[in-house]
Amino acid sequence: MKNVDYSKCLKYTFNNYRGTYVVSGVNQKAIVDGKVVIPETYKGKVVSDVERYAFENCTALKSITLSDEIRTLQTSAFLQIFG
């Protein structure tokens, strides 16, 4: 069985104030099996937040797993996913 990295479809932005990465967007075409996993770290730094509109209109998304490191889900992070 093939091991799939369900986090490769995510886009990240570095937050200088916190010294962490935030999920700033998603590439829908790169989503595998409708799943997204937000990892605890990216490039050796904690992934702490999901920005506003990061998953806006992401109709390919069927399930998402958040790491325990996520501190904040910004308003409208998942806006208009489910019709």
Protein backbone atom coordinates (compact mmCIF):
# COMPACT_ATOMS: atom_id res chain seq x y z
CA MET A 1 0.00 0.00 0.00
CA LYS A 2 1.30 3.43 -0.98
CA ASN A 3 2.14 5.88 1.83
CA VAL A 4 0.43 9.21 1.05
CA ASP A 5 1.51 12.59 2.44
CA TYR A 6 -1.83 14.34 2.94
CA SER A 7 -0.13 17.65 3.85
CA LYS A 8 1.59 18.32 0.49
CA CYS A 9 -1.40 20.26 -0.85
CA LEU A 10 -1.06 23.00 1.78
CA LYS A 11 0.44 26.47 1.34
CA TYR A 12 2.29 28.01 4.27
CA THR A 13 3.25 31.51 5.37
CA PHE A 14 5.80 32.26 8.09
CA ASN A 15 4.53 34.32 11.04
CA ASN A 16 7.54 36.37 12.18
CA TYR A 17 5.85 37.48 15.41
CA ARG A 18 5.22 33.93 16.64
CA GLY A 19 8.08 32.25 14.81
CA THR A 20 5.69 29.65 13.43
CA TYR A 21 4.07 28.73 10.14
CA VAL A 22 0.41 29.21 9.34
CA VAL A 23 -1.66 27.41 6.74
CA SER A 24 -2.50 30.16 4.25
CA GLY A 25 -4.09 28.18 1.45
CA VAL A 26 -4.57 24.89 -0.31
CA ASN A 27 -4.00 23.55 -3.80
CA GLN A 28 -7.22 21.63 -4.48
CA LYS A 29 -5.69 19.75 -7.40
CA ALA A 30 -3.09 18.26 -5.05
CA ILE A 31 -5.62 16.88 -2.53
CA VAL A 32 -5.52 13.08 -2.48
CA ASP A 33 -8.65 11.06 -1.56
CA GLY A 34 -10.35 14.24 -0.26
CA LYS A 35 -8.10 14.24 2.82
CA VAL A 36 -5.91 16.94 4.32
CA VAL A 37 -3.66 16.55 7.36
CA ILE A 38 -2.19 19.67 8.92
CA PRO A 39 1.21 18.62 10.29
CA GLU A 40 2.68 19.66 13.62
CA THR A 41 5.72 21.16 11.90
CA TYR A 42 6.84 22.52 8.54
CA LYS A 43 10.51 23.17 7.78
CA GLY A 44 11.34 22.50 11.43
CA LYS A 45 8.90 25.11 12.81
CA VAL A 46 5.51 24.60 14.45
CA VAL A 47 2.37 25.05 12.31
CA SER A 48 0.20 27.09 14.69
CA ASP A 49 -2.73 28.60 12.78
CA VAL A 50 -5.08 28.35 9.82
CA GLU A 51 -5.59 31.74 8.13
CA ARG A 52 -8.87 33.29 7.05
CA TYR A 53 -10.20 31.82 3.81
CA ALA A 54 -7.39 29.21 3.65
CA PHE A 55 -9.85 26.55 2.50
CA GLU A 56 -12.43 28.84 0.89
CA ASN A 57 -14.47 27.05 -1.79
CA CYS A 58 -12.33 23.93 -1.39
CA THR A 59 -14.91 21.44 -2.63
CA ALA A 60 -12.30 18.67 -2.95
CA LEU A 61 -11.98 18.51 0.85
CA LYS A 62 -13.84 15.64 2.53
CA SER A 63 -11.92 15.37 5.82
CA ILE A 64 -9.26 17.30 7.68
CA THR A 65 -7.03 16.35 10.58
CA LEU A 66 -5.60 19.15 12.72
CA SER A 67 -2.44 18.69 14.73
CA ASP A 68 -2.42 19.39 18.46
CA GLU A 69 -0.20 22.41 17.73
CA ILE A 70 -3.00 24.41 16.03
CA ARG A 71 -3.80 27.39 18.25
CA THR A 72 -6.16 29.36 16.04
CA LEU A 73 -8.63 28.70 13.25
CA GLN A 74 -9.27 32.14 11.80
CA THR A 75 -12.81 33.25 10.96
CA SER A 76 -14.06 31.82 7.65
CA ALA A 77 -11.09 29.45 7.27
CA PHE A 78 -13.47 26.90 5.76
CA LEU A 79 -15.93 29.27 4.09
CA GLN A 80 -18.33 27.77 1.53
CA ILE A 81 -16.90 24.28 1.42
CA PHE A 82 -20.18 22.49 1.81
CA GLY A 83 -22.75 23.93 -0.64
